[in-house]
Amino acid sequence: MVVVLWQMPRASDAQRAKRLNLARTLLRQQPRLSGAVQQLAKTCSISRRQAYRYIQQAQHLTGPVPVNDPKVAFTVKLSRTLAGRIRTYATAAGLSLSESVSRALTAMLSRGRRRG
């Protein structure tokens, strides 16, 4: 007999931040903890148990959680040498490859266009 367990997908960082911010708001509005839990569960379509966990975390927040822009996969082709240099840099800096490239591109784009 094979038993298949269905797992809910993990919330993205952006979803988690939004839920924590909503939980924080509900805690300030709801006089009862159970009311905040029920409202969060209903609004976010999550279980009461999961809503309670968000409420517990939100009780310790001193301010809203920043909601980051969701990430997408973006494929580029680089020379083997450049890819190796990026990997070496990322490892030395203690960053992921993705974070290293994101920072480099953000820095380049923030400098704006320059014409020679």
N, C-alpha and C. Protein backbone atom coordinates (compact mmCIF):
# COMPACT_ATOMS: atom_id res chain seq x y z
N MET A 1 0.84 -1.18 0.00
CA MET A 1 0.00 0.00 0.00
C MET A 1 0.88 1.24 0.00
N VAL A 2 0.57 2.19 -0.86
CA VAL A 2 1.33 3.43 -0.96
C VAL A 2 0.50 4.56 -0.37
N VAL A 3 1.08 5.30 0.55
CA VAL A 3 0.41 6.44 1.15
C VAL A 3 1.06 7.69 0.61
N VAL A 4 0.26 8.55 0.01
CA VAL A 4 0.77 9.80 -0.54
C VAL A 4 0.35 10.93 0.38
N LEU A 5 1.34 11.62 0.89
CA LEU A 5 1.06 12.77 1.74
C LEU A 5 1.09 14.02 0.89
N TRP A 6 0.08 14.83 1.04
CA TRP A 6 0.02 16.08 0.28
C TRP A 6 0.56 17.19 1.15
N GLN A 7 1.53 17.90 0.63
CA GLN A 7 2.11 18.99 1.38
C GLN A 7 1.75 20.32 0.75
N MET A 8 1.46 21.26 1.62
CA MET A 8 1.22 22.62 1.14
C MET A 8 2.56 23.20 0.71
N PRO A 9 2.59 23.94 -0.38
CA PRO A 9 3.85 24.57 -0.76
C PRO A 9 4.23 25.63 0.27
N ARG A 10 5.50 25.79 0.46
CA ARG A 10 5.98 26.81 1.39
C ARG A 10 5.62 28.19 0.88
N ALA A 11 5.35 29.09 1.81
CA ALA A 11 5.06 30.47 1.43
C ALA A 11 6.35 31.13 0.94
N SER A 12 6.22 31.96 -0.07
CA SER A 12 7.38 32.71 -0.55
C SER A 12 7.74 33.77 0.50
N ASP A 13 8.91 34.35 0.38
CA ASP A 13 9.31 35.39 1.32
C ASP A 13 8.33 36.56 1.28
N ALA A 14 7.86 36.91 0.08
CA ALA A 14 6.91 38.01 -0.04
C ALA A 14 5.57 37.66 0.63
N GLN A 15 5.09 36.42 0.43
CA GLN A 15 3.85 35.98 1.07
C GLN A 15 3.99 36.01 2.58
N ARG A 16 5.12 35.52 3.05
CA ARG A 16 5.36 35.47 4.49
C ARG A 16 5.35 36.88 5.08
N ALA A 17 6.02 37.81 4.42
CA ALA A 17 6.07 39.20 4.90
C ALA A 17 4.67 39.82 4.92
N LYS A 18 3.90 39.58 3.86
CA LYS A 18 2.54 40.12 3.81
C LYS A 18 1.67 39.54 4.93
N ARG A 19 1.80 38.24 5.16
CA ARG A 19 1.00 37.60 6.21
C ARG A 19 1.40 38.10 7.59
N LEU A 20 2.70 38.28 7.81
CA LEU A 20 3.15 38.80 9.10
C LEU A 20 2.65 40.23 9.32
N ASN A 21 2.68 41.03 8.27
CA ASN A 21 2.19 42.41 8.39
C ASN A 21 0.69 42.44 8.66
N LEU A 22 -0.04 41.55 7.99
CA LEU A 22 -1.48 41.47 8.24
C LEU A 22 -1.75 40.99 9.67
N ALA A 23 -0.99 40.01 10.11
CA ALA A 23 -1.14 39.51 11.48
C ALA A 23 -0.87 40.62 12.48
N ARG A 24 0.13 41.41 12.23
CA ARG A 24 0.46 42.54 13.11
C ARG A 24 -0.68 43.54 13.16
N THR A 25 -1.26 43.83 12.01
CA THR A 25 -2.40 44.76 11.95
C THR A 25 -3.60 44.19 12.69
N LEU A 26 -3.89 42.91 12.46
CA LEU A 26 -5.03 42.28 13.13
C LEU A 26 -4.87 42.26 14.64
N LEU A 27 -3.65 42.06 15.11
CA LEU A 27 -3.40 42.06 16.55
C LEU A 27 -3.73 43.42 17.17
N ARG A 28 -3.49 44.47 16.40
CA ARG A 28 -3.78 45.81 16.90
C ARG A 28 -5.29 46.13 16.85
N GLN A 29 -6.00 45.47 15.94
CA GLN A 29 -7.43 45.74 15.76
C GLN A 29 -8.33 44.82 16.57
N GLN A 30 -7.90 43.58 16.76
CA GLN A 30 -8.74 42.57 17.40
C GLN A 30 -8.51 42.56 18.91
N PRO A 31 -9.56 42.64 19.71
CA PRO A 31 -9.37 42.59 21.16
C PRO A 31 -8.99 41.19 21.64
N ARG A 32 -9.37 40.16 20.88
CA ARG A 32 -9.09 38.77 21.28
C ARG A 32 -8.13 38.12 20.29
N LEU A 33 -7.21 37.36 20.82
CA LEU A 33 -6.23 36.66 19.99
C LEU A 33 -6.92 35.69 19.04
N SER A 34 -7.94 34.99 19.53
CA SER A 34 -8.63 34.01 18.69
C SER A 34 -9.31 34.68 17.49
N GLY A 35 -9.79 35.90 17.68
CA GLY A 35 -10.41 36.64 16.57
C GLY A 35 -9.39 36.97 15.50
N ALA A 36 -8.18 37.35 15.91
CA ALA A 36 -7.12 37.66 14.95
C ALA A 36 -6.71 36.40 14.19
N VAL A 37 -6.64 35.28 14.90
CA VAL A 37 -6.27 34.01 14.27
C VAL A 37 -7.31 33.62 13.23
N GLN A 38 -8.57 33.69 13.59
CA GLN A 38 -9.65 33.31 12.66
C GLN A 38 -9.66 34.21 11.43
N GLN A 39 -9.50 35.51 11.64
CA GLN A 39 -9.51 36.46 10.52
C GLN A 39 -8.33 36.21 9.59
N LEU A 40 -7.15 35.97 10.14
CA LEU A 40 -5.96 35.72 9.32
C LEU A 40 -6.12 34.42 8.53
N ALA A 41 -6.63 33.38 9.19
CA ALA A 41 -6.84 32.09 8.51
C ALA A 41 -7.81 32.25 7.34
N LYS A 42 -8.86 32.98 7.57
CA LYS A 42 -9.88 33.17 6.52
C LYS A 42 -9.33 34.03 5.38
N THR A 43 -8.69 35.13 5.71
CA THR A 43 -8.19 36.06 4.70
C THR A 43 -7.11 35.43 3.83
N CYS A 44 -6.23 34.67 4.44
CA CYS A 44 -5.08 34.10 3.72
C CYS A 44 -5.32 32.67 3.25
N SER A 45 -6.49 32.11 3.53
CA SER A 45 -6.80 30.73 3.16
C SER A 45 -5.75 29.76 3.69
N ILE A 46 -5.45 29.89 4.98
CA ILE A 46 -4.50 29.01 5.63
C ILE A 46 -5.19 28.38 6.84
N SER A 47 -4.58 27.36 7.41
CA SER A 47 -5.16 26.71 8.57
C SER A 47 -5.07 27.63 9.79
N ARG A 48 -5.92 27.35 10.78
CA ARG A 48 -5.88 28.14 12.02
C ARG A 48 -4.54 27.92 12.72
N ARG A 49 -4.02 26.72 12.63
CA ARG A 49 -2.72 26.44 13.25
C ARG A 49 -1.63 27.32 12.65
N GLN A 50 -1.62 27.39 11.31
CA GLN A 50 -0.61 28.23 10.64
C GLN A 50 -0.85 29.70 10.94
N ALA A 51 -2.10 30.11 10.97
CA ALA A 51 -2.43 31.50 11.30
C ALA A 51 -1.94 31.84 12.70
N TYR A 52 -2.11 30.91 13.63
CA TYR A 52 -1.66 31.13 15.00
C TYR A 52 -0.14 31.32 15.04
N ARG A 53 0.57 30.56 14.22
CA ARG A 53 2.04 30.71 14.18
C ARG A 53 2.43 32.09 13.67
N TYR A 54 1.74 32.58 12.65
CA TYR A 54 2.01 33.93 12.14
C TYR A 54 1.69 34.97 13.23
N ILE A 55 0.58 34.78 13.92
CA ILE A 55 0.19 35.71 14.98
C ILE A 55 1.25 35.72 16.08
N GLN A 56 1.74 34.55 16.45
CA GLN A 56 2.79 34.47 17.48
C GLN A 56 4.04 35.24 17.05
N GLN A 57 4.44 35.07 15.80
CA GLN A 57 5.62 35.78 15.30
C GLN A 57 5.37 37.28 15.25
N ALA A 58 4.17 37.66 14.85
CA ALA A 58 3.83 39.08 14.72
C ALA A 58 3.82 39.79 16.07
N GLN A 59 3.57 39.06 17.14
CA GLN A 59 3.56 39.67 18.47
C GLN A 59 4.94 40.22 18.84
N HIS A 60 5.98 39.71 18.23
CA HIS A 60 7.34 40.13 18.55
C HIS A 60 7.88 41.20 17.59
N LEU A 61 7.09 41.57 16.60
CA LEU A 61 7.55 42.57 15.63
C LEU A 61 7.48 43.97 16.23
N THR A 62 8.49 44.76 15.93
CA THR A 62 8.48 46.16 16.38
C THR A 62 8.01 47.10 15.28
N GLY A 63 7.92 46.58 14.06
CA GLY A 63 7.45 47.36 12.93
C GLY A 63 7.08 46.43 11.80
N PRO A 64 6.57 46.99 10.71
CA PRO A 64 6.19 46.14 9.58
C PRO A 64 7.42 45.47 8.95
N VAL A 65 7.18 44.31 8.38
CA VAL A 65 8.23 43.55 7.69
C VAL A 65 8.27 44.05 6.25
N PRO A 66 9.47 44.40 5.73
CA PRO A 66 9.53 44.85 4.34
C PRO A 66 9.17 43.72 3.38
N VAL A 67 8.38 44.03 2.38
CA VAL A 67 7.97 43.05 1.38
C VAL A 67 8.90 43.18 0.18
N ASN A 68 9.70 42.15 -0.06
CA ASN A 68 10.66 42.18 -1.15
C ASN A 68 9.99 41.82 -2.47
N ASP A 69 10.59 42.32 -3.52
CA ASP A 69 10.14 42.02 -4.87
C ASP A 69 10.38 40.53 -5.13
N PRO A 70 9.36 39.79 -5.59
CA PRO A 70 9.57 38.36 -5.85
C PRO A 70 10.64 38.14 -6.92
N LYS A 71 11.37 37.05 -6.79
CA LYS A 71 12.44 36.75 -7.73
C LYS A 71 11.94 35.83 -8.84
N VAL A 72 12.56 35.99 -9.99
CA VAL A 72 12.24 35.13 -11.13
C VAL A 72 13.54 34.59 -11.70
N ALA A 73 13.46 33.46 -12.36
CA ALA A 73 14.63 32.89 -13.02
C ALA A 73 14.91 33.69 -14.28
N PHE A 74 16.17 33.96 -14.51
CA PHE A 74 16.58 34.75 -15.66
C PHE A 74 17.87 34.11 -16.19
N THR A 75 17.79 33.49 -17.34
CA THR A 75 18.92 32.73 -17.87
C THR A 75 19.74 33.60 -18.81
N VAL A 76 21.04 33.59 -18.59
CA VAL A 76 21.98 34.30 -19.47
C VAL A 76 23.12 33.36 -19.80
N LYS A 77 23.80 33.63 -20.87
CA LYS A 77 24.98 32.84 -21.23
C LYS A 77 26.20 33.72 -21.02
N LEU A 78 27.14 33.18 -20.25
CA LEU A 78 28.38 33.87 -19.95
C LEU A 78 29.54 32.99 -20.35
N SER A 79 30.68 33.62 -20.55
CA SER A 79 31.86 32.81 -20.84
C SER A 79 32.19 31.97 -19.61
N ARG A 80 32.81 30.86 -19.83
CA ARG A 80 33.19 29.96 -18.74
C ARG A 80 34.09 30.70 -17.74
N THR A 81 34.99 31.52 -18.26
CA THR A 81 35.91 32.27 -17.40
C THR A 81 35.15 33.25 -16.50
N LEU A 82 34.24 34.01 -17.10
CA LEU A 82 33.48 34.98 -16.31
C LEU A 82 32.60 34.29 -15.27
N ALA A 83 31.97 33.21 -15.66
CA ALA A 83 31.13 32.46 -14.71
C ALA A 83 31.98 31.96 -13.55
N GLY A 84 33.17 31.49 -13.83
CA GLY A 84 34.08 31.03 -12.78
C GLY A 84 34.48 32.17 -11.85
N ARG A 85 34.77 33.33 -12.43
CA ARG A 85 35.13 34.50 -11.61
C ARG A 85 33.98 34.92 -10.70
N ILE A 86 32.76 34.86 -11.22
CA ILE A 86 31.59 35.23 -10.41
C ILE A 86 31.41 34.23 -9.27
N ARG A 87 31.56 32.95 -9.57
CA ARG A 87 31.45 31.92 -8.52
C ARG A 87 32.51 32.12 -7.44
N THR A 88 33.74 32.40 -7.86
CA THR A 88 34.83 32.62 -6.90
C THR A 88 34.53 33.83 -6.03
N TYR A 89 34.08 34.90 -6.65
CA TYR A 89 33.74 36.12 -5.89
C TYR A 89 32.62 35.84 -4.88
N ALA A 90 31.57 35.17 -5.34
CA ALA A 90 30.43 34.88 -4.47
C ALA A 90 30.85 34.05 -3.26
N THR A 91 31.67 33.05 -3.50
CA THR A 91 32.15 32.19 -2.41
C THR A 91 32.97 33.01 -1.41
N ALA A 92 33.88 33.83 -1.92
CA ALA A 92 34.75 34.63 -1.06
C ALA A 92 33.94 35.65 -0.26
N ALA A 93 32.88 36.18 -0.86
CA ALA A 93 32.05 37.19 -0.20
C ALA A 93 30.99 36.56 0.71
N GLY A 94 30.87 35.24 0.65
CA GLY A 94 29.85 34.56 1.47
C GLY A 94 28.44 34.81 0.97
N LEU A 95 28.31 35.00 -0.32
CA LEU A 95 27.00 35.28 -0.94
C LEU A 95 26.62 34.15 -1.88
N SER A 96 25.33 34.08 -2.17
CA SER A 96 24.91 33.14 -3.20
C SER A 96 25.29 33.73 -4.56
N LEU A 97 25.35 32.90 -5.55
CA LEU A 97 25.65 33.34 -6.91
C LEU A 97 24.60 34.37 -7.35
N SER A 98 23.36 34.07 -7.04
CA SER A 98 22.25 34.94 -7.42
C SER A 98 22.39 36.32 -6.77
N GLU A 99 22.71 36.34 -5.48
CA GLU A 99 22.84 37.60 -4.77
C GLU A 99 24.02 38.41 -5.30
N SER A 100 25.11 37.75 -5.62
CA SER A 100 26.28 38.45 -6.18
C SER A 100 25.95 39.13 -7.50
N VAL A 101 25.30 38.40 -8.39
CA VAL A 101 24.93 38.95 -9.69
C VAL A 101 23.90 40.07 -9.51
N SER A 102 22.92 39.88 -8.61
CA SER A 102 21.92 40.92 -8.37
C SER A 102 22.56 42.21 -7.90
N ARG A 103 23.49 42.09 -6.97
CA ARG A 103 24.16 43.30 -6.46
C ARG A 103 24.97 44.00 -7.55
N ALA A 104 25.68 43.22 -8.35
CA ALA A 104 26.49 43.81 -9.43
C ALA A 104 25.61 44.53 -10.45
N LEU A 105 24.53 43.88 -10.84
CA LEU A 105 23.64 44.50 -11.83
C LEU A 105 22.94 45.74 -11.26
N THR A 106 22.54 45.67 -10.00
CA THR A 106 21.89 46.82 -9.37
C THR A 106 22.86 48.00 -9.32
N ALA A 107 24.10 47.75 -8.95
CA ALA A 107 25.11 48.81 -8.90
C ALA A 107 25.34 49.40 -10.29
N MET A 108 25.44 48.55 -11.28
CA MET A 108 25.66 49.02 -12.65
C MET A 108 24.48 49.87 -13.14
N LEU A 109 23.27 49.39 -12.90
CA LEU A 109 22.08 50.09 -13.38
C LEU A 109 21.84 51.39 -12.63
N SER A 110 22.23 51.45 -11.37
CA SER A 110 22.01 52.68 -10.60
C SER A 110 22.94 53.81 -11.03
N ARG A 111 24.02 53.47 -11.70
CA ARG A 111 24.94 54.49 -12.21
C ARG A 111 24.35 55.22 -13.42
N GLY A 112 23.36 54.61 -14.03
CA GLY A 112 22.71 55.26 -15.19
C GLY A 112 23.53 55.10 -16.46
N ARG A 113 22.98 55.68 -17.50
CA ARG A 113 23.66 55.60 -18.81
C ARG A 113 24.79 56.62 -18.90
N ARG A 114 25.86 56.16 -19.46
CA ARG A 114 26.98 57.07 -19.71
C ARG A 114 27.37 56.91 -21.16
N ARG A 115 27.53 58.02 -21.81
CA ARG A 115 27.96 57.97 -23.21
C ARG A 115 29.38 58.48 -23.31
N GLY A 116 30.19 57.76 -24.06
CA GLY A 116 31.60 58.10 -24.15
C GLY A 116 31.93 58.94 -25.26
